[in-house]
N, C-alpha and C. Protein backbone atom coordinates (compact mmCIF):
# COMPACT_ATOMS: atom_id res chain seq x y z
N MET A 1 -53.68 -11.07 22.37
CA MET A 1 -53.86 -9.74 22.09
C MET A 1 -54.21 -9.60 20.61
N MET A 2 -55.16 -8.89 20.24
CA MET A 2 -55.67 -8.78 18.82
C MET A 2 -54.83 -7.70 18.10
N SER A 3 -54.53 -7.96 16.92
CA SER A 3 -53.88 -6.94 16.12
C SER A 3 -54.91 -5.97 15.58
N GLN A 4 -54.34 -4.78 15.33
CA GLN A 4 -55.26 -3.76 14.74
C GLN A 4 -55.59 -4.05 13.30
N SER A 5 -56.79 -3.74 12.91
CA SER A 5 -57.14 -3.87 11.57
C SER A 5 -56.72 -2.70 10.73
N VAL A 6 -56.61 -2.93 9.44
CA VAL A 6 -56.21 -1.75 8.57
C VAL A 6 -57.23 -0.64 8.75
N GLY A 7 -56.72 0.58 8.82
CA GLY A 7 -57.62 1.70 8.90
C GLY A 7 -57.87 2.24 10.37
N GLN A 8 -57.61 1.36 11.36
CA GLN A 8 -57.79 1.77 12.74
C GLN A 8 -56.75 2.79 13.10
N ALA A 9 -57.05 3.80 13.95
CA ALA A 9 -56.11 4.76 14.32
C ALA A 9 -55.06 4.13 15.21
N MET A 10 -53.78 4.63 15.00
CA MET A 10 -52.68 4.13 15.87
C MET A 10 -52.62 4.99 17.14
N PRO A 11 -52.06 4.40 18.19
CA PRO A 11 -51.95 5.18 19.45
C PRO A 11 -51.22 6.44 19.20
N ASP A 12 -51.41 7.47 20.05
CA ASP A 12 -50.72 8.70 19.93
C ASP A 12 -49.14 8.51 19.94
N GLY A 13 -48.49 9.20 19.12
CA GLY A 13 -47.01 9.04 19.00
C GLY A 13 -46.42 7.87 18.35
N PHE A 14 -47.20 6.89 18.05
CA PHE A 14 -46.70 5.64 17.35
C PHE A 14 -46.24 6.03 16.00
N GLN A 15 -46.86 6.88 15.28
CA GLN A 15 -46.52 7.24 13.89
C GLN A 15 -45.11 7.80 13.90
N ALA A 16 -44.70 8.50 14.97
CA ALA A 16 -43.43 9.09 15.03
C ALA A 16 -42.22 8.16 15.08
N VAL A 17 -42.55 6.88 15.52
CA VAL A 17 -41.40 5.91 15.53
C VAL A 17 -41.36 5.05 14.30
N MET A 18 -42.40 5.12 13.50
CA MET A 18 -42.48 4.25 12.32
C MET A 18 -41.64 4.80 11.19
N ALA A 19 -41.02 3.94 10.44
CA ALA A 19 -40.28 4.33 9.25
C ALA A 19 -41.29 4.95 8.25
N PRO A 20 -40.98 5.94 7.51
CA PRO A 20 -39.70 6.63 7.47
C PRO A 20 -39.55 7.80 8.47
N HIS A 21 -40.48 7.86 9.44
CA HIS A 21 -40.51 8.97 10.35
C HIS A 21 -39.62 8.86 11.61
N GLY A 22 -39.34 7.56 11.93
CA GLY A 22 -38.62 7.31 13.25
C GLY A 22 -37.17 7.89 13.13
N ILE A 23 -36.66 8.26 14.29
CA ILE A 23 -35.33 8.93 14.33
C ILE A 23 -34.22 7.85 13.97
N GLY A 24 -34.40 6.54 14.39
CA GLY A 24 -33.36 5.55 14.05
C GLY A 24 -33.37 5.33 12.54
N TYR A 25 -34.47 5.34 11.91
CA TYR A 25 -34.48 5.16 10.43
C TYR A 25 -33.79 6.38 9.77
N ARG A 26 -34.10 7.55 10.28
CA ARG A 26 -33.54 8.76 9.62
C ARG A 26 -31.97 8.86 9.89
N ILE A 27 -31.59 8.40 11.02
CA ILE A 27 -30.08 8.43 11.29
C ILE A 27 -29.40 7.43 10.48
N LYS A 28 -30.03 6.29 10.31
CA LYS A 28 -29.43 5.21 9.43
C LYS A 28 -29.38 5.59 8.11
N LEU A 29 -30.38 6.30 7.60
CA LEU A 29 -30.47 6.89 6.21
C LEU A 29 -29.28 7.83 6.11
N LEU A 30 -29.19 8.82 6.99
CA LEU A 30 -28.15 9.80 6.94
C LEU A 30 -26.74 9.15 6.93
N SER A 31 -26.54 8.11 7.74
CA SER A 31 -25.31 7.40 7.81
C SER A 31 -25.02 6.71 6.42
N GLN A 32 -26.00 6.12 5.89
CA GLN A 32 -25.80 5.51 4.56
C GLN A 32 -25.55 6.53 3.49
N LEU A 33 -26.15 7.62 3.48
CA LEU A 33 -25.98 8.67 2.44
C LEU A 33 -24.51 9.27 2.65
N LEU A 34 -24.08 9.51 3.91
CA LEU A 34 -22.74 10.04 4.14
C LEU A 34 -21.73 9.02 3.69
N ALA A 35 -21.94 7.81 4.09
CA ALA A 35 -21.00 6.71 3.73
C ALA A 35 -20.92 6.61 2.22
N ARG A 36 -22.01 6.56 1.52
CA ARG A 36 -21.98 6.45 0.03
C ARG A 36 -21.23 7.60 -0.60
N ARG A 37 -21.51 8.85 -0.12
CA ARG A 37 -20.93 9.96 -0.74
C ARG A 37 -19.33 9.96 -0.52
N PHE A 38 -19.00 9.64 0.72
CA PHE A 38 -17.56 9.56 1.12
C PHE A 38 -16.88 8.37 0.38
N GLN A 39 -17.56 7.26 0.31
CA GLN A 39 -16.97 6.15 -0.43
C GLN A 39 -16.66 6.47 -1.88
N GLU A 40 -17.59 7.19 -2.47
CA GLU A 40 -17.36 7.67 -3.89
C GLU A 40 -16.05 8.44 -4.02
N GLN A 41 -15.69 9.17 -2.99
CA GLN A 41 -14.46 9.92 -3.09
C GLN A 41 -13.26 9.09 -2.75
N LEU A 42 -13.43 8.14 -1.88
CA LEU A 42 -12.29 7.18 -1.50
C LEU A 42 -12.00 6.27 -2.64
N ASP A 43 -13.04 6.02 -3.51
CA ASP A 43 -12.72 4.95 -4.58
C ASP A 43 -11.61 5.39 -5.43
N GLN A 44 -11.34 6.64 -5.70
CA GLN A 44 -10.21 7.12 -6.53
C GLN A 44 -8.92 6.74 -5.93
N PHE A 45 -8.81 6.46 -4.58
CA PHE A 45 -7.56 5.98 -3.97
C PHE A 45 -7.57 4.56 -3.59
N ASP A 46 -8.64 3.79 -4.09
CA ASP A 46 -8.77 2.39 -3.79
C ASP A 46 -8.73 2.11 -2.25
N LEU A 47 -9.59 3.02 -1.56
CA LEU A 47 -9.63 2.90 -0.01
C LEU A 47 -11.04 2.71 0.28
N THR A 48 -11.23 2.21 1.47
CA THR A 48 -12.64 2.03 1.94
C THR A 48 -12.82 2.88 3.21
N ILE A 49 -14.04 3.04 3.75
CA ILE A 49 -14.31 3.74 4.94
C ILE A 49 -13.62 3.12 6.02
N PHE A 50 -13.51 1.81 6.08
CA PHE A 50 -12.80 1.10 7.18
C PHE A 50 -11.34 1.47 7.22
N HIS A 51 -10.68 1.66 5.97
CA HIS A 51 -9.31 2.12 5.94
C HIS A 51 -9.29 3.53 6.56
N TRP A 52 -10.24 4.36 6.19
CA TRP A 52 -10.23 5.74 6.70
C TRP A 52 -10.27 5.82 8.23
N VAL A 53 -11.19 4.99 8.84
CA VAL A 53 -11.30 5.09 10.35
C VAL A 53 -10.02 4.53 10.94
N VAL A 54 -9.37 3.53 10.48
CA VAL A 54 -8.10 3.02 10.97
C VAL A 54 -7.01 4.09 10.81
N LEU A 55 -6.94 4.73 9.55
CA LEU A 55 -5.95 5.73 9.41
C LEU A 55 -6.12 6.93 10.40
N CYS A 56 -7.42 7.30 10.61
CA CYS A 56 -7.67 8.35 11.51
C CYS A 56 -7.12 8.07 12.92
N CYS A 57 -7.32 6.84 13.38
CA CYS A 57 -6.87 6.35 14.69
C CYS A 57 -5.29 6.61 14.80
N LEU A 58 -4.61 6.06 13.70
CA LEU A 58 -3.20 6.06 13.67
C LEU A 58 -2.61 7.46 13.48
N TRP A 59 -3.30 8.37 12.77
CA TRP A 59 -2.83 9.71 12.64
C TRP A 59 -2.80 10.37 14.01
N LYS A 60 -3.66 10.03 14.90
CA LYS A 60 -3.78 10.65 16.17
C LYS A 60 -2.73 10.06 17.09
N GLU A 61 -2.53 8.69 16.95
CA GLU A 61 -1.59 8.00 17.85
C GLU A 61 -1.05 6.79 17.06
N ASP A 62 0.05 6.95 16.54
CA ASP A 62 0.73 5.90 15.73
C ASP A 62 1.27 4.84 16.68
N GLY A 63 1.30 3.60 16.31
CA GLY A 63 1.81 2.45 17.10
C GLY A 63 0.81 1.92 18.10
N LEU A 64 -0.43 2.11 17.78
CA LEU A 64 -1.49 1.51 18.72
C LEU A 64 -1.50 -0.02 18.67
N ALA A 65 -1.81 -0.64 19.75
CA ALA A 65 -2.07 -2.11 19.74
C ALA A 65 -3.34 -2.33 19.00
N ILE A 66 -3.54 -3.51 18.37
CA ILE A 66 -4.74 -3.89 17.57
C ILE A 66 -5.94 -3.68 18.51
N SER A 67 -5.77 -4.27 19.73
CA SER A 67 -6.95 -4.19 20.62
C SER A 67 -7.38 -2.70 20.92
N SER A 68 -6.45 -1.80 20.95
CA SER A 68 -6.86 -0.40 21.23
C SER A 68 -7.57 0.20 20.02
N ILE A 69 -7.09 -0.22 18.81
CA ILE A 69 -7.80 0.29 17.60
C ILE A 69 -9.24 -0.27 17.56
N GLY A 70 -9.37 -1.57 17.90
CA GLY A 70 -10.66 -2.21 17.93
C GLY A 70 -11.61 -1.54 19.01
N GLU A 71 -11.05 -1.14 20.12
CA GLU A 71 -11.87 -0.48 21.15
C GLU A 71 -12.27 0.93 20.74
N LYS A 72 -11.26 1.64 20.19
CA LYS A 72 -11.69 2.97 19.69
C LYS A 72 -12.78 2.98 18.58
N LEU A 73 -12.69 1.99 17.75
CA LEU A 73 -13.59 1.89 16.60
C LEU A 73 -14.88 1.05 16.91
N GLN A 74 -14.82 0.42 18.07
CA GLN A 74 -15.94 -0.52 18.49
C GLN A 74 -16.12 -1.53 17.36
N GLN A 75 -15.00 -2.15 16.95
CA GLN A 75 -15.04 -3.12 15.88
C GLN A 75 -14.79 -4.55 16.38
N VAL A 76 -15.37 -5.51 15.77
CA VAL A 76 -15.26 -6.89 16.09
C VAL A 76 -13.82 -7.27 15.54
N GLY A 77 -13.07 -8.07 16.32
CA GLY A 77 -11.72 -8.41 16.03
C GLY A 77 -11.51 -8.96 14.66
N GLY A 78 -12.35 -9.96 14.12
CA GLY A 78 -12.16 -10.56 12.91
C GLY A 78 -12.31 -9.53 11.69
N THR A 79 -13.27 -8.69 11.89
CA THR A 79 -13.42 -7.62 10.83
C THR A 79 -12.19 -6.76 10.77
N LEU A 80 -11.68 -6.34 11.90
CA LEU A 80 -10.51 -5.37 11.91
C LEU A 80 -9.32 -6.12 11.47
N THR A 81 -9.12 -7.36 11.75
CA THR A 81 -8.00 -8.14 11.27
C THR A 81 -7.99 -8.18 9.73
N GLY A 82 -9.11 -8.41 9.06
CA GLY A 82 -9.11 -8.42 7.65
C GLY A 82 -8.89 -7.07 7.10
N VAL A 83 -9.34 -6.02 7.67
CA VAL A 83 -9.01 -4.60 7.23
C VAL A 83 -7.56 -4.35 7.31
N LEU A 84 -6.95 -4.70 8.49
CA LEU A 84 -5.45 -4.48 8.65
C LEU A 84 -4.66 -5.34 7.69
N ASP A 85 -5.09 -6.51 7.42
CA ASP A 85 -4.37 -7.42 6.44
C ASP A 85 -4.36 -6.65 5.10
N ARG A 86 -5.52 -6.07 4.68
CA ARG A 86 -5.55 -5.44 3.32
C ARG A 86 -4.80 -4.14 3.34
N MET A 87 -4.79 -3.46 4.55
CA MET A 87 -4.00 -2.19 4.62
C MET A 87 -2.54 -2.45 4.60
N GLU A 88 -2.13 -3.55 5.17
CA GLU A 88 -0.73 -3.93 5.25
C GLU A 88 -0.31 -4.36 3.81
N GLY A 89 -1.18 -5.12 3.11
CA GLY A 89 -0.85 -5.50 1.73
C GLY A 89 -0.74 -4.32 0.78
N ARG A 90 -1.47 -3.27 1.08
CA ARG A 90 -1.44 -1.99 0.27
C ARG A 90 -0.22 -1.12 0.61
N GLY A 91 0.47 -1.48 1.71
CA GLY A 91 1.68 -0.73 2.15
C GLY A 91 1.30 0.55 2.96
N LEU A 92 0.02 0.52 3.62
CA LEU A 92 -0.34 1.65 4.30
C LEU A 92 0.10 1.58 5.81
N ILE A 93 0.21 0.34 6.34
CA ILE A 93 0.68 0.16 7.66
C ILE A 93 1.67 -1.00 7.76
N ARG A 94 2.27 -1.16 8.92
CA ARG A 94 3.06 -2.34 9.18
C ARG A 94 2.77 -2.73 10.65
N ARG A 95 2.93 -4.00 10.86
CA ARG A 95 2.62 -4.56 12.17
C ARG A 95 4.02 -4.97 12.84
N GLU A 96 4.13 -4.64 14.10
CA GLU A 96 5.28 -5.12 14.89
C GLU A 96 4.87 -5.64 16.21
N ARG A 97 5.60 -6.65 16.73
CA ARG A 97 5.28 -7.07 18.05
C ARG A 97 5.71 -6.13 19.09
N ASP A 98 4.95 -5.93 20.13
CA ASP A 98 5.35 -5.11 21.25
C ASP A 98 6.69 -5.52 21.86
N SER A 99 7.59 -4.62 22.15
CA SER A 99 8.89 -4.95 22.65
C SER A 99 8.75 -5.53 24.14
N CYS A 100 7.74 -5.09 24.88
CA CYS A 100 7.57 -5.54 26.25
C CYS A 100 6.63 -6.67 26.40
N ASP A 101 5.72 -6.88 25.52
CA ASP A 101 4.76 -7.96 25.57
C ASP A 101 4.59 -8.57 24.21
N ARG A 102 5.20 -9.68 23.91
CA ARG A 102 5.19 -10.36 22.63
C ARG A 102 3.81 -10.81 22.17
N ARG A 103 2.87 -10.81 23.04
CA ARG A 103 1.49 -11.14 22.64
C ARG A 103 0.76 -10.02 21.93
N ILE A 104 1.24 -8.89 22.05
CA ILE A 104 0.58 -7.63 21.50
C ILE A 104 1.21 -7.26 20.24
N TRP A 105 0.41 -7.05 19.23
CA TRP A 105 0.83 -6.49 17.92
C TRP A 105 0.52 -4.95 17.91
N ARG A 106 1.46 -4.22 17.54
CA ARG A 106 1.26 -2.77 17.27
C ARG A 106 1.24 -2.40 15.84
N ILE A 107 0.42 -1.44 15.52
CA ILE A 107 0.19 -1.04 14.11
C ILE A 107 0.82 0.33 13.92
N TRP A 108 1.66 0.38 12.93
CA TRP A 108 2.37 1.69 12.56
C TRP A 108 2.13 2.07 11.17
N LEU A 109 1.99 3.39 10.95
CA LEU A 109 1.77 3.94 9.64
C LEU A 109 3.08 3.79 8.81
N THR A 110 2.93 3.53 7.54
CA THR A 110 4.07 3.68 6.60
C THR A 110 4.04 5.08 6.10
N GLU A 111 5.03 5.39 5.29
CA GLU A 111 5.02 6.69 4.67
C GLU A 111 3.81 6.90 3.82
N ASP A 112 3.38 5.86 3.01
CA ASP A 112 2.17 5.98 2.19
C ASP A 112 0.93 6.19 3.12
N GLY A 113 0.87 5.58 4.17
CA GLY A 113 -0.34 5.81 5.11
C GLY A 113 -0.33 7.19 5.65
N ARG A 114 0.90 7.60 6.01
CA ARG A 114 1.02 9.01 6.61
C ARG A 114 0.63 10.08 5.52
N ASN A 115 0.99 9.83 4.26
CA ASN A 115 0.74 10.81 3.21
C ASN A 115 -0.69 11.04 3.01
N PHE A 116 -1.59 10.09 3.32
CA PHE A 116 -3.00 10.30 3.09
C PHE A 116 -3.53 11.33 4.10
N GLU A 117 -2.84 11.58 5.19
CA GLU A 117 -3.29 12.52 6.20
C GLU A 117 -3.49 13.94 5.60
N VAL A 118 -2.81 14.27 4.52
CA VAL A 118 -3.02 15.59 3.94
C VAL A 118 -4.11 15.56 2.89
N ILE A 119 -4.41 14.36 2.34
CA ILE A 119 -5.29 14.15 1.22
C ILE A 119 -6.79 13.96 1.72
N LEU A 120 -6.92 13.12 2.61
CA LEU A 120 -8.27 12.55 2.99
C LEU A 120 -9.05 13.48 3.85
N PRO A 121 -8.54 14.14 4.93
CA PRO A 121 -9.37 14.96 5.75
C PRO A 121 -10.07 16.14 5.06
N PRO A 122 -9.46 16.79 4.01
CA PRO A 122 -10.20 17.83 3.30
C PRO A 122 -11.38 17.24 2.56
N ILE A 123 -11.23 16.03 2.05
CA ILE A 123 -12.36 15.37 1.27
C ILE A 123 -13.51 14.99 2.28
N ALA A 124 -13.04 14.53 3.49
CA ALA A 124 -14.17 14.26 4.52
C ALA A 124 -14.83 15.55 4.90
N MET A 125 -14.18 16.60 5.07
CA MET A 125 -14.71 18.00 5.48
C MET A 125 -15.69 18.38 4.26
N GLU A 126 -15.31 18.16 3.10
CA GLU A 126 -16.26 18.54 1.91
C GLU A 126 -17.52 17.80 2.04
N VAL A 127 -17.42 16.44 2.22
CA VAL A 127 -18.66 15.69 2.45
C VAL A 127 -19.50 16.19 3.61
N ARG A 128 -18.80 16.38 4.77
CA ARG A 128 -19.56 16.90 5.84
C ARG A 128 -20.24 18.26 5.61
N GLU A 129 -19.52 19.07 4.85
CA GLU A 129 -20.11 20.38 4.53
C GLU A 129 -21.27 20.23 3.65
N GLN A 130 -21.28 19.28 2.75
CA GLN A 130 -22.44 19.11 1.90
C GLN A 130 -23.71 18.66 2.73
N ALA A 131 -23.40 17.80 3.74
CA ALA A 131 -24.40 17.37 4.60
C ALA A 131 -25.05 18.45 5.56
N MET A 132 -24.12 19.34 5.91
CA MET A 132 -24.53 20.38 6.88
C MET A 132 -24.94 21.79 6.26
N ARG A 133 -24.94 21.75 4.94
CA ARG A 133 -25.23 23.02 4.21
C ARG A 133 -26.51 23.55 4.80
N GLY A 134 -26.54 24.83 4.98
CA GLY A 134 -27.70 25.50 5.46
C GLY A 134 -27.81 25.54 6.94
N MET A 135 -26.90 24.92 7.76
CA MET A 135 -26.91 24.86 9.14
C MET A 135 -25.88 25.90 9.67
N SER A 136 -26.23 26.65 10.71
CA SER A 136 -25.36 27.61 11.32
C SER A 136 -24.31 26.71 12.15
N HIS A 137 -23.19 27.49 12.53
CA HIS A 137 -22.23 26.70 13.36
C HIS A 137 -22.74 26.25 14.68
N SER A 138 -23.72 27.06 15.25
CA SER A 138 -24.35 26.63 16.56
C SER A 138 -25.25 25.48 16.29
N GLU A 139 -25.94 25.43 15.23
CA GLU A 139 -26.85 24.34 14.90
C GLU A 139 -25.93 23.00 14.65
N ARG A 140 -24.79 23.22 14.06
CA ARG A 140 -23.94 22.02 13.85
C ARG A 140 -23.51 21.53 15.15
N ASP A 141 -23.10 22.39 16.03
CA ASP A 141 -22.45 22.07 17.31
C ASP A 141 -23.61 21.41 18.12
N GLN A 142 -24.84 21.84 18.16
CA GLN A 142 -25.97 21.36 18.80
C GLN A 142 -26.27 19.92 18.23
N PHE A 143 -26.32 19.76 17.00
CA PHE A 143 -26.62 18.52 16.31
C PHE A 143 -25.61 17.44 16.73
N SER A 144 -24.34 17.83 16.74
CA SER A 144 -23.35 16.86 17.16
C SER A 144 -23.42 16.53 18.66
N ALA A 145 -23.83 17.48 19.48
CA ALA A 145 -23.93 17.25 20.95
C ALA A 145 -25.07 16.28 21.21
N LEU A 146 -26.19 16.56 20.44
CA LEU A 146 -27.42 15.71 20.65
C LEU A 146 -27.11 14.28 20.22
N LEU A 147 -26.40 14.09 19.08
CA LEU A 147 -25.99 12.75 18.71
C LEU A 147 -25.11 12.05 19.71
N ASN A 148 -24.14 12.79 20.28
CA ASN A 148 -23.33 12.24 21.30
C ASN A 148 -24.07 11.87 22.49
N ARG A 149 -25.04 12.62 22.85
CA ARG A 149 -25.85 12.26 24.10
C ARG A 149 -26.78 11.09 23.75
N ALA A 150 -27.33 10.95 22.60
CA ALA A 150 -28.10 9.74 22.28
C ALA A 150 -27.28 8.58 22.27
N ILE A 151 -26.11 8.60 21.73
CA ILE A 151 -25.11 7.49 21.68
C ILE A 151 -24.74 7.12 23.11
N ALA A 152 -24.43 8.02 23.95
CA ALA A 152 -24.09 7.81 25.30
C ALA A 152 -25.23 7.16 26.09
N ASN A 153 -26.55 7.61 25.78
CA ASN A 153 -27.64 7.06 26.46
C ASN A 153 -27.87 5.49 26.13
N LEU A 154 -27.51 5.15 25.00
CA LEU A 154 -27.67 3.72 24.52
C LEU A 154 -26.44 2.89 24.75
N SER A 155 -25.33 3.49 25.14
CA SER A 155 -24.04 2.73 25.32
C SER A 155 -24.02 2.11 26.59
């Protein structure tokens, strides 16, 4: 198959998938911009976005098994283990063996980890608000629903 020479017209619709126009590229850019803005706010607490997502899981359900956290966050075990090590070193969490199954480690919030529940969500909401500025509530809901559907389609 011969490659197209410079200046030849591309097939219809092909331009729409090429960076910087492709939806994947734009979603990745949005993700990077959101992460950068949020990380700038987390820096003042010496936290990372990985700390944030683990804390969010534990605020919803404290005492989760490490495997459950990994499933919820779709994280590779090695990466999660390092994050949990650093969080434990910071005094945000503690690990305990499951009383019924000694192979399972459960993660519990410490008082310091729990205290961030009042501090961090308003910061995350502020960053989200910056990204969604100018969008109505129905547009925000629709945007979220469309993202969820695209994620489900590829999962």
